[in-house]
Amino acid sequence: MLYDTDSAELIDFAKRWSDLGDAVAEQVERVLDDVRLAAGLNPDRADLEVNPNAITLARERLGGLNEEIDQAFEEYFSLLAEARS
């Protein structure tokens, strides 16, 4: 997986990830874990366990760098909207 990534892109991602800070990175990891383990977030708890502002910030900083992360963000916001309606 990482062998397909250009070294400059990998360094750029690492810098952006580091700039998120621990609290936001933890929220991103929680979203990714939910998507991987459950093939989607539980709409009943999407807005309770993950801070939407943290994911918005992460999407702004990391968006476009990794397809899997982008998809997880989209799924999170879709399920969050569903949970709030």
PDB file of N, CA and C in Angstrom:
ATOM      1  N   MET A   1       0.829  -1.184   0.000  1.00  0.00           N
ATOM      2  CA  MET A   1       0.000   0.000   0.000  1.00  0.00           C
ATOM      3  C   MET A   1       0.879   1.255   0.000  1.00  0.00           C
ATOM      4  N   LEU A   2       1.787   1.380   0.937  1.00  0.00           N
ATOM      5  CA  LEU A   2       2.628   2.563   0.996  1.00  0.00           C
ATOM      6  C   LEU A   2       3.635   2.605  -0.142  1.00  0.00           C
ATOM      7  N   TYR A   3       3.929   1.457  -0.739  1.00  0.00           N
ATOM      8  CA  TYR A   3       4.877   1.434  -1.838  1.00  0.00           C
ATOM      9  C   TYR A   3       4.344   2.141  -3.060  1.00  0.00           C
ATOM     10  N   ASP A   4       3.033   2.289  -3.135  1.00  0.00           N
ATOM     11  CA  ASP A   4       2.425   2.987  -4.271  1.00  0.00           C
ATOM     12  C   ASP A   4       2.407   4.499  -4.062  1.00  0.00           C
ATOM     13  N   THR A   5       2.804   4.939  -2.883  1.00  0.00           N
ATOM     14  CA  THR A   5       2.753   6.359  -2.551  1.00  0.00           C
ATOM     15  C   THR A   5       4.109   7.002  -2.804  1.00  0.00           C
ATOM     16  N   ASP A   6       4.078   8.111  -3.487  1.00  0.00           N
ATOM     17  CA  ASP A   6       5.287   8.898  -3.706  1.00  0.00           C
ATOM     18  C   ASP A   6       5.796   9.404  -2.361  1.00  0.00           C
ATOM     19  N   SER A   7       7.100   9.428  -2.165  1.00  0.00           N
ATOM     20  CA  SER A   7       7.663   9.829  -0.869  1.00  0.00           C
ATOM     21  C   SER A   7       7.270  11.257  -0.486  1.00  0.00           C
ATOM     22  N   ALA A   8       7.194  12.149  -1.446  1.00  0.00           N
ATOM     23  CA  ALA A   8       6.791  13.526  -1.144  1.00  0.00           C
ATOM     24  C   ALA A   8       5.339  13.573  -0.667  1.00  0.00           C
ATOM     25  N   GLU A   9       4.473  12.759  -1.281  1.00  0.00           N
ATOM     26  CA  GLU A   9       3.069  12.702  -0.858  1.00  0.00           C
ATOM     27  C   GLU A   9       2.947  12.126   0.543  1.00  0.00           C
ATOM     28  N   LEU A  10       3.748  11.123   0.836  1.00  0.00           N
ATOM     29  CA  LEU A  10       3.716  10.513   2.160  1.00  0.00           C
ATOM     30  C   LEU A  10       4.178  11.507   3.225  1.00  0.00           C
ATOM     31  N   ILE A  11       5.219  12.257   2.933  1.00  0.00           N
ATOM     32  CA  ILE A  11       5.701  13.270   3.870  1.00  0.00           C
ATOM     33  C   ILE A  11       4.658  14.361   4.055  1.00  0.00           C
ATOM     34  N   ASP A  12       4.019  14.773   2.965  1.00  0.00           N
ATOM     35  CA  ASP A  12       2.958  15.784   3.054  1.00  0.00           C
ATOM     36  C   ASP A  12       1.813  15.292   3.941  1.00  0.00           C
ATOM     37  N   PHE A  13       1.395  14.050   3.743  1.00  0.00           N
ATOM     38  CA  PHE A  13       0.329  13.493   4.567  1.00  0.00           C
ATOM     39  C   PHE A  13       0.750  13.453   6.036  1.00  0.00           C
ATOM     40  N   ALA A  14       1.954  13.014   6.298  1.00  0.00           N
ATOM     41  CA  ALA A  14       2.437  12.923   7.685  1.00  0.00           C
ATOM     42  C   ALA A  14       2.438  14.295   8.361  1.00  0.00           C
ATOM     43  N   LYS A  15       2.851  15.311   7.641  1.00  0.00           N
ATOM     44  CA  LYS A  15       2.843  16.666   8.207  1.00  0.00           C
ATOM     45  C   LYS A  15       1.418  17.131   8.503  1.00  0.00           C
ATOM     46  N   ARG A  16       0.527  16.903   7.555  1.00  0.00           N
ATOM     47  CA  ARG A  16      -0.858  17.325   7.762  1.00  0.00           C
ATOM     48  C   ARG A  16      -1.501  16.562   8.911  1.00  0.00           C
ATOM     49  N   TRP A  17      -1.213  15.263   9.004  1.00  0.00           N
ATOM     50  CA  TRP A  17      -1.750  14.451  10.098  1.00  0.00           C
ATOM     51  C   TRP A  17      -1.233  14.982  11.433  1.00  0.00           C
ATOM     52  N   SER A  18       0.035  15.253  11.495  1.00  0.00           N
ATOM     53  CA  SER A  18       0.644  15.761  12.719  1.00  0.00           C
ATOM     54  C   SER A  18       0.039  17.097  13.125  1.00  0.00           C
ATOM     55  N   ASP A  19      -0.256  17.927  12.152  1.00  0.00           N
ATOM     56  CA  ASP A  19      -0.836  19.246  12.424  1.00  0.00           C
ATOM     57  C   ASP A  19      -2.269  19.172  12.952  1.00  0.00           C
ATOM     58  N   LEU A  20      -2.934  18.032  12.789  1.00  0.00           N
ATOM     59  CA  LEU A  20      -4.291  17.900  13.306  1.00  0.00           C
ATOM     60  C   LEU A  20      -4.323  17.975  14.822  1.00  0.00           C
ATOM     61  N   GLY A  21      -3.287  17.478  15.457  1.00  0.00           N
ATOM     62  CA  GLY A  21      -3.271  17.397  16.912  1.00  0.00           C
ATOM     63  C   GLY A  21      -3.885  16.090  17.373  1.00  0.00           C
ATOM     64  N   ASP A  22      -3.598  15.737  18.610  1.00  0.00           N
ATOM     65  CA  ASP A  22      -4.022  14.438  19.139  1.00  0.00           C
ATOM     66  C   ASP A  22      -5.538  14.286  19.215  1.00  0.00           C
ATOM     67  N   ALA A  23      -6.240  15.325  19.656  1.00  0.00           N
ATOM     68  CA  ALA A  23      -7.692  15.212  19.849  1.00  0.00           C
ATOM     69  C   ALA A  23      -8.414  14.973  18.527  1.00  0.00           C
ATOM     70  N   VAL A  24      -8.062  15.725  17.490  1.00  0.00           N
ATOM     71  CA  VAL A  24      -8.710  15.562  16.187  1.00  0.00           C
ATOM     72  C   VAL A  24      -8.297  14.231  15.561  1.00  0.00           C
ATOM     73  N   ALA A  25      -7.023  13.877  15.659  1.00  0.00           N
ATOM     74  CA  ALA A  25      -6.557  12.606  15.106  1.00  0.00           C
ATOM     75  C   ALA A  25      -7.291  11.433  15.748  1.00  0.00           C
ATOM     76  N   GLU A  26      -7.543  11.519  17.038  1.00  0.00           N
ATOM     77  CA  GLU A  26      -8.287  10.464  17.729  1.00  0.00           C
ATOM     78  C   GLU A  26      -9.700  10.327  17.165  1.00  0.00           C
ATOM     79  N   GLN A  27     -10.330  11.455  16.863  1.00  0.00           N
ATOM     80  CA  GLN A  27     -11.681  11.424  16.299  1.00  0.00           C
ATOM     81  C   GLN A  27     -11.673  10.800  14.903  1.00  0.00           C
ATOM     82  N   VAL A  28     -10.657  11.131  14.105  1.00  0.00           N
ATOM     83  CA  VAL A  28     -10.537  10.547  12.767  1.00  0.00           C
ATOM     84  C   VAL A  28     -10.336   9.034  12.886  1.00  0.00           C
ATOM     85  N   GLU A  29      -9.491   8.613  13.789  1.00  0.00           N
ATOM     86  CA  GLU A  29      -9.256   7.183  13.985  1.00  0.00           C
ATOM     87  C   GLU A  29     -10.542   6.471  14.398  1.00  0.00           C
ATOM     88  N   ARG A  30     -11.336   7.112  15.212  1.00  0.00           N
ATOM     89  CA  ARG A  30     -12.609   6.515  15.641  1.00  0.00           C
ATOM     90  C   ARG A  30     -13.543   6.324  14.445  1.00  0.00           C
ATOM     91  N   VAL A  31     -13.619   7.333  13.571  1.00  0.00           N
ATOM     92  CA  VAL A  31     -14.456   7.222  12.373  1.00  0.00           C
ATOM     93  C   VAL A  31     -13.939   6.097  11.474  1.00  0.00           C
ATOM     94  N   LEU A  32     -12.640   6.051  11.245  1.00  0.00           N
ATOM     95  CA  LEU A  32     -12.071   5.019  10.390  1.00  0.00           C
ATOM     96  C   LEU A  32     -12.284   3.627  10.982  1.00  0.00           C
ATOM     97  N   ASP A  33     -12.122   3.486  12.287  1.00  0.00           N
ATOM     98  CA  ASP A  33     -12.356   2.195  12.934  1.00  0.00           C
ATOM     99  C   ASP A  33     -13.799   1.759  12.769  1.00  0.00           C
ATOM    100  N   ASP A  34     -14.742   2.675  12.949  1.00  0.00           N
ATOM    101  CA  ASP A  34     -16.155   2.343  12.785  1.00  0.00           C
ATOM    102  C   ASP A  34     -16.446   1.888  11.366  1.00  0.00           C
ATOM    103  N   VAL A  35     -15.885   2.576  10.394  1.00  0.00           N
ATOM    104  CA  VAL A  35     -16.135   2.239   8.998  1.00  0.00           C
ATOM    105  C   VAL A  35     -15.535   0.876   8.673  1.00  0.00           C
ATOM    106  N   ARG A  36     -14.331   0.631   9.141  1.00  0.00           N
ATOM    107  CA  ARG A  36     -13.675  -0.654   8.855  1.00  0.00           C
ATOM    108  C   ARG A  36     -14.366  -1.815   9.556  1.00  0.00           C
ATOM    109  N   LEU A  37     -14.707  -1.641  10.812  1.00  0.00           N
ATOM    110  CA  LEU A  37     -15.243  -2.750  11.595  1.00  0.00           C
ATOM    111  C   LEU A  37     -16.717  -3.008  11.342  1.00  0.00           C
ATOM    112  N   ALA A  38     -17.468  -1.967  11.104  1.00  0.00           N
ATOM    113  CA  ALA A  38     -18.910  -2.134  10.990  1.00  0.00           C
ATOM    114  C   ALA A  38     -19.442  -1.813   9.598  1.00  0.00           C
ATOM    115  N   ALA A  39     -18.540  -1.565   8.673  1.00  0.00           N
ATOM    116  CA  ALA A  39     -18.942  -1.162   7.326  1.00  0.00           C
ATOM    117  C   ALA A  39     -19.890   0.019   7.392  1.00  0.00           C
ATOM    118  N   GLY A  40     -19.619   0.915   8.313  1.00  0.00           N
ATOM    119  CA  GLY A  40     -20.414   2.123   8.479  1.00  0.00           C
ATOM    120  C   GLY A  40     -20.637   2.455   9.932  1.00  0.00           C
ATOM    121  N   LEU A  41     -20.854   3.718  10.182  1.00  0.00           N
ATOM    122  CA  LEU A  41     -21.121   4.169  11.539  1.00  0.00           C
ATOM    123  C   LEU A  41     -22.527   3.808  11.963  1.00  0.00           C
ATOM    124  N   ASN A  42     -22.730   3.684  13.235  1.00  0.00           N
ATOM    125  CA  ASN A  42     -24.053   3.469  13.795  1.00  0.00           C
ATOM    126  C   ASN A  42     -24.730   4.837  13.865  1.00  0.00           C
ATOM    127  N   PRO A  43     -25.780   5.074  13.077  1.00  0.00           N
ATOM    128  CA  PRO A  43     -26.416   6.393  13.063  1.00  0.00           C
ATOM    129  C   PRO A  43     -26.906   6.845  14.434  1.00  0.00           C
ATOM    130  N   ASP A  44     -27.213   5.903  15.304  1.00  0.00           N
ATOM    131  CA  ASP A  44     -27.707   6.260  16.634  1.00  0.00           C
ATOM    132  C   ASP A  44     -26.635   6.883  17.507  1.00  0.00           C
ATOM    133  N   ARG A  45     -25.377   6.653  17.183  1.00  0.00           N
ATOM    134  CA  ARG A  45     -24.316   7.197  18.025  1.00  0.00           C
ATOM    135  C   ARG A  45     -23.320   8.063  17.258  1.00  0.00           C
ATOM    136  N   ALA A  46     -23.567   8.294  15.986  1.00  0.00           N
ATOM    137  CA  ALA A  46     -22.621   9.046  15.164  1.00  0.00           C
ATOM    138  C   ALA A  46     -22.347  10.431  15.725  1.00  0.00           C
ATOM    139  N   ASP A  47     -23.375  11.090  16.234  1.00  0.00           N
ATOM    140  CA  ASP A  47     -23.157  12.446  16.729  1.00  0.00           C
ATOM    141  C   ASP A  47     -22.803  12.458  18.213  1.00  0.00           C
ATOM    142  N   LEU A  48     -22.762  11.302  18.855  1.00  0.00           N
ATOM    143  CA  LEU A  48     -22.455  11.254  20.277  1.00  0.00           C
ATOM    144  C   LEU A  48     -20.990  10.943  20.549  1.00  0.00           C
ATOM    145  N   GLU A  49     -20.388  10.090  19.736  1.00  0.00           N
ATOM    146  CA  GLU A  49     -19.036   9.641  20.011  1.00  0.00           C
ATOM    147  C   GLU A  49     -17.959  10.388  19.235  1.00  0.00           C
ATOM    148  N   VAL A  50     -18.323  11.040  18.175  1.00  0.00           N
ATOM    149  CA  VAL A  50     -17.342  11.732  17.340  1.00  0.00           C
ATOM    150  C   VAL A  50     -17.761  13.182  17.192  1.00  0.00           C
ATOM    151  N   ASN A  51     -16.816  14.069  17.390  1.00  0.00           N
ATOM    152  CA  ASN A  51     -17.070  15.499  17.287  1.00  0.00           C
ATOM    153  C   ASN A  51     -17.104  15.901  15.804  1.00  0.00           C
ATOM    154  N   PRO A  52     -18.246  16.331  15.295  1.00  0.00           N
ATOM    155  CA  PRO A  52     -18.333  16.715  13.884  1.00  0.00           C
ATOM    156  C   PRO A  52     -17.365  17.839  13.509  1.00  0.00           C
ATOM    157  N   ASN A  53     -17.083  18.734  14.433  1.00  0.00           N
ATOM    158  CA  ASN A  53     -16.139  19.816  14.138  1.00  0.00           C
ATOM    159  C   ASN A  53     -14.732  19.277  13.910  1.00  0.00           C
ATOM    160  N   ALA A  54     -14.374  18.243  14.648  1.00  0.00           N
ATOM    161  CA  ALA A  54     -13.059  17.629  14.464  1.00  0.00           C
ATOM    162  C   ALA A  54     -12.960  16.985  13.092  1.00  0.00           C
ATOM    163  N   ILE A  55     -14.027  16.316  12.675  1.00  0.00           N
ATOM    164  CA  ILE A  55     -14.010  15.657  11.370  1.00  0.00           C
ATOM    165  C   ILE A  55     -14.049  16.685  10.242  1.00  0.00           C
ATOM    166  N   THR A  56     -14.757  17.778  10.440  1.00  0.00           N
ATOM    167  CA  THR A  56     -14.755  18.855   9.443  1.00  0.00           C
ATOM    168  C   THR A  56     -13.345  19.406   9.272  1.00  0.00           C
ATOM    169  N   LEU A  57     -12.662  19.663  10.378  1.00  0.00           N
ATOM    170  CA  LEU A  57     -11.288  20.164  10.321  1.00  0.00           C
ATOM    171  C   LEU A  57     -10.376  19.165   9.624  1.00  0.00           C
ATOM    172  N   ALA A  58     -10.498  17.906   9.984  1.00  0.00           N
ATOM    173  CA  ALA A  58      -9.668  16.874   9.371  1.00  0.00           C
ATOM    174  C   ALA A  58      -9.938  16.767   7.874  1.00  0.00           C
ATOM    175  N   ARG A  59     -11.211  16.857   7.489  1.00  0.00           N
ATOM    176  CA  ARG A  59     -11.545  16.776   6.062  1.00  0.00           C
ATOM    177  C   ARG A  59     -10.941  17.956   5.301  1.00  0.00           C
ATOM    178  N   GLU A  60     -10.949  19.130   5.916  1.00  0.00           N
ATOM    179  CA  GLU A  60     -10.355  20.308   5.269  1.00  0.00           C
ATOM    180  C   GLU A  60      -8.851  20.128   5.073  1.00  0.00           C
ATOM    181  N   ARG A  61      -8.193  19.533   6.040  1.00  0.00           N
ATOM    182  CA  ARG A  61      -6.732  19.409   5.985  1.00  0.00           C
ATOM    183  C   ARG A  61      -6.241  18.164   5.253  1.00  0.00           C
ATOM    184  N   LEU A  62      -7.021  17.083   5.302  1.00  0.00           N
ATOM    185  CA  LEU A  62      -6.574  15.823   4.715  1.00  0.00           C
ATOM    186  C   LEU A  62      -7.319  15.443   3.446  1.00  0.00           C
ATOM    187  N   GLY A  63      -8.377  16.172   3.139  1.00  0.00           N
ATOM    188  CA  GLY A  63      -9.201  15.841   1.984  1.00  0.00           C
ATOM    189  C   GLY A  63      -8.402  15.757   0.699  1.00  0.00           C
ATOM    190  N   GLY A  64      -8.664  14.697  -0.055  1.00  0.00           N
ATOM    191  CA  GLY A  64      -8.008  14.523  -1.339  1.00  0.00           C
ATOM    192  C   GLY A  64      -6.690  13.774  -1.280  1.00  0.00           C
ATOM    193  N   LEU A  65      -6.224  13.460  -0.076  1.00  0.00           N
ATOM    194  CA  LEU A  65      -4.935  12.771   0.038  1.00  0.00           C
ATOM    195  C   LEU A  65      -5.071  11.255   0.061  1.00  0.00           C
ATOM    196  N   ASN A  66      -6.243  10.764   0.483  1.00  0.00           N
ATOM    197  CA  ASN A  66      -6.433   9.326   0.601  1.00  0.00           C
ATOM    198  C   ASN A  66      -7.901   8.998   0.364  1.00  0.00           C
ATOM    199  N   GLU A  67      -8.162   8.140  -0.592  1.00  0.00           N
ATOM    200  CA  GLU A  67      -9.538   7.824  -0.974  1.00  0.00           C
ATOM    201  C   GLU A  67     -10.317   7.174   0.175  1.00  0.00           C
ATOM    202  N   GLU A  68      -9.680   6.267   0.911  1.00  0.00           N
ATOM    203  CA  GLU A  68     -10.368   5.591   2.008  1.00  0.00           C
ATOM    204  C   GLU A  68     -10.786   6.576   3.094  1.00  0.00           C
ATOM    205  N   ILE A  69      -9.913   7.509   3.421  1.00  0.00           N
ATOM    206  CA  ILE A  69     -10.244   8.517   4.430  1.00  0.00           C
ATOM    207  C   ILE A  69     -11.356   9.426   3.918  1.00  0.00           C
ATOM    208  N   ASP A  70     -11.265   9.850   2.668  1.00  0.00           N
ATOM    209  CA  ASP A  70     -12.317  10.692   2.085  1.00  0.00           C
ATOM    210  C   ASP A  70     -13.675   9.991   2.138  1.00  0.00           C
ATOM    211  N   GLN A  71     -13.709   8.706   1.811  1.00  0.00           N
ATOM    212  CA  GLN A  71     -14.960   7.953   1.845  1.00  0.00           C
ATOM    213  C   GLN A  71     -15.496   7.834   3.265  1.00  0.00           C
ATOM    214  N   ALA A  72     -14.600   7.624   4.226  1.00  0.00           N
ATOM    215  CA  ALA A  72     -15.036   7.522   5.623  1.00  0.00           C
ATOM    216  C   ALA A  72     -15.642   8.835   6.094  1.00  0.00           C
ATOM    217  N   PHE A  73     -15.035   9.959   5.705  1.00  0.00           N
ATOM    218  CA  PHE A  73     -15.592  11.262   6.072  1.00  0.00           C
ATOM    219  C   PHE A  73     -16.984  11.436   5.469  1.00  0.00           C
ATOM    220  N   GLU A  74     -17.127  11.104   4.196  1.00  0.00           N
ATOM    221  CA  GLU A  74     -18.422  11.246   3.532  1.00  0.00           C
ATOM    222  C   GLU A  74     -19.473  10.364   4.194  1.00  0.00           C
ATOM    223  N   GLU A  75     -19.098   9.141   4.499  1.00  0.00           N
ATOM    224  CA  GLU A  75     -20.043   8.237   5.151  1.00  0.00           C
ATOM    225  C   GLU A  75     -20.427   8.770   6.533  1.00  0.00           C
ATOM    226  N   TYR A  76     -19.446   9.276   7.262  1.00  0.00           N
ATOM    227  CA  TYR A  76     -19.722   9.836   8.590  1.00  0.00           C
ATOM    228  C   TYR A  76     -20.752  10.967   8.492  1.00  0.00           C
ATOM    229  N   PHE A  77     -20.518  11.924   7.587  1.00  0.00           N
ATOM    230  CA  PHE A  77     -21.430  13.067   7.486  1.00  0.00           C
ATOM    231  C   PHE A  77     -22.803  12.656   6.959  1.00  0.00           C
ATOM    232  N   SER A  78     -22.845  11.677   6.091  1.00  0.00           N
ATOM    233  CA  SER A  78     -24.135  11.185   5.612  1.00  0.00           C
ATOM    234  C   SER A  78     -24.929  10.551   6.748  1.00  0.00           C
ATOM    235  N   LEU A  79     -24.280   9.720   7.547  1.00  0.00           N
ATOM    236  CA  LEU A  79     -24.965   9.073   8.660  1.00  0.00           C
ATOM    237  C   LEU A  79     -25.284  10.052   9.772  1.00  0.00           C
ATOM    238  N   LEU A  80     -24.448  11.048   9.944  1.00  0.00           N
ATOM    239  CA  LEU A  80     -24.734  12.081  10.943  1.00  0.00           C
ATOM    240  C   LEU A  80     -26.002  12.831  10.564  1.00  0.00           C
ATOM    241  N   ALA A  81     -26.118  13.186   9.284  1.00  0.00           N
ATOM    242  CA  ALA A  81     -27.322  13.881   8.816  1.00  0.00           C
ATOM    243  C   ALA A  81     -28.550  12.994   8.997  1.00  0.00           C
ATOM    244  N   GLU A  82     -28.399  11.703   8.713  1.00  0.00           N
ATOM    245  CA  GLU A  82     -29.506  10.755   8.895  1.00  0.00           C
ATOM    246  C   GLU A  82     -29.909  10.660  10.359  1.00  0.00           C
ATOM    247  N   ALA A  83     -28.938  10.640  11.252  1.00  0.00           N
ATOM    248  CA  ALA A  83     -29.220  10.520  12.684  1.00  0.00           C
ATOM    249  C   ALA A  83     -29.919  11.775  13.214  1.00  0.00           C
ATOM    250  N   ARG A  84     -29.636  12.905  12.617  1.00  0.00           N
ATOM    251  CA  ARG A  84     -30.214  14.169  13.087  1.00  0.00           C
ATOM    252  C   ARG A  84     -31.582  14.458  12.495  1.00  0.00           C
ATOM    253  N   SER A  85     -31.969  13.693  11.491  1.00  0.00           N
ATOM    254  CA  SER A  85     -33.280  13.965  10.859  1.00  0.00           C
ATOM    255  C   SER A  85     -34.380  13.152  11.479  1.00  0.00           C
TER     256      SER A  85
END
